[in-house]
Amino acid sequence: MPRLLETARESFWILALAVIVLFAFFVALGAFAPGDVLWVTLLVVALCALWIVHATLGRRRRERDPSVVRARERRGF
């Protein structure tokens, strides 16, 4: 069950990023103005904020390879 939840969570973030990119693409293409579809714009802005928080926290949680950390410490970085 935990593996399934992990897959579902990562799938959600990939889908959220796809929605953000599609919205930006269609706005750049001129298919619609962000002010014309205000509720979609607000949804995408909220998704952007959530994705930025997810990416920031994910980077902090990611485990580092101990051999790389030791090599860095040995070199003085």
Protein backbone atom coordinates (compact mmCIF):
# COMPACT_ATOMS: atom_id res chain seq x y z
CA MET A 1 0.00 0.00 0.00
CA PRO A 2 2.75 2.59 0.73
CA ARG A 3 4.27 2.01 -2.72
CA LEU A 4 0.86 2.63 -4.32
CA LEU A 5 0.42 5.88 -2.37
CA GLU A 6 3.92 7.02 -3.38
CA THR A 7 3.11 6.35 -7.04
CA ALA A 8 -0.23 8.17 -6.80
CA ARG A 9 1.41 11.16 -5.12
CA GLU A 10 4.15 11.43 -7.73
CA SER A 11 1.58 11.00 -10.52
CA PHE A 12 -0.40 13.91 -9.07
CA TRP A 13 2.65 16.19 -9.13
CA ILE A 14 3.49 15.20 -12.71
CA LEU A 15 -0.10 15.88 -13.75
CA ALA A 16 -0.05 19.24 -11.93
CA LEU A 17 3.13 20.25 -13.75
CA ALA A 18 1.56 19.20 -17.06
CA VAL A 19 -1.50 21.39 -16.38
CA ILE A 20 0.76 24.35 -15.55
CA VAL A 21 2.79 23.91 -18.74
CA LEU A 22 -0.32 23.48 -20.89
CA PHE A 23 -1.87 26.62 -19.45
CA ALA A 24 1.31 28.61 -20.13
CA PHE A 25 1.49 27.18 -23.66
CA PHE A 26 -2.08 28.15 -24.53
CA VAL A 27 -1.69 31.62 -23.02
CA ALA A 28 1.53 32.14 -25.02
CA LEU A 29 -0.23 30.86 -28.13
CA GLY A 30 -3.01 33.40 -27.61
CA ALA A 31 -5.78 30.82 -27.41
CA PHE A 32 -7.30 32.72 -24.48
CA ALA A 33 -6.47 35.54 -22.12
CA PRO A 34 -5.89 34.69 -18.45
CA GLY A 35 -8.48 37.28 -17.46
CA ASP A 36 -11.16 35.63 -19.58
CA VAL A 37 -10.95 32.37 -17.64
CA LEU A 38 -10.27 33.73 -14.19
CA TRP A 39 -11.15 30.53 -12.30
CA VAL A 40 -8.69 28.50 -14.40
CA THR A 41 -6.01 31.13 -13.88
CA LEU A 42 -6.52 31.04 -10.11
CA LEU A 43 -6.39 27.24 -10.14
CA VAL A 44 -3.13 27.24 -12.09
CA VAL A 45 -1.62 29.89 -9.80
CA ALA A 46 -2.54 27.72 -6.80
CA LEU A 47 -1.02 24.66 -8.50
CA CYS A 48 2.16 26.65 -9.19
CA ALA A 49 2.43 27.66 -5.55
CA LEU A 50 1.82 24.09 -4.37
CA TRP A 51 4.34 22.69 -6.86
CA ILE A 52 7.01 25.18 -5.78
CA VAL A 53 6.48 24.20 -2.14
CA HIS A 54 6.59 20.51 -3.11
CA ALA A 55 9.81 20.94 -5.09
CA THR A 56 11.48 22.94 -2.31
CA LEU A 57 10.55 20.49 0.42
CA GLY A 58 11.39 17.51 -1.77
CA ARG A 59 14.87 18.79 -2.37
CA ARG A 60 15.46 19.18 1.36
CA ARG A 61 14.15 15.67 2.11
CA ARG A 62 16.16 13.95 -0.59
CA GLU A 63 18.87 11.79 0.86
CA ARG A 64 22.41 12.46 -0.16
CA ASP A 65 24.90 9.79 -1.06
CA PRO A 66 27.28 9.42 1.91
CA SER A 67 30.28 8.82 -0.37
CA VAL A 68 29.66 12.14 -2.13
CA VAL A 69 29.36 13.96 1.20
CA ARG A 70 32.64 12.41 2.43
CA ALA A 71 34.41 13.33 -0.82
CA ARG A 72 33.14 16.89 -0.56
CA GLU A 73 34.28 17.17 3.03
CA ARG A 74 37.67 15.76 2.11
CA ARG A 75 38.10 18.40 -0.59
CA GLY A 76 37.05 21.17 1.75
CA PHE A 77 33.72 22.15 0.17
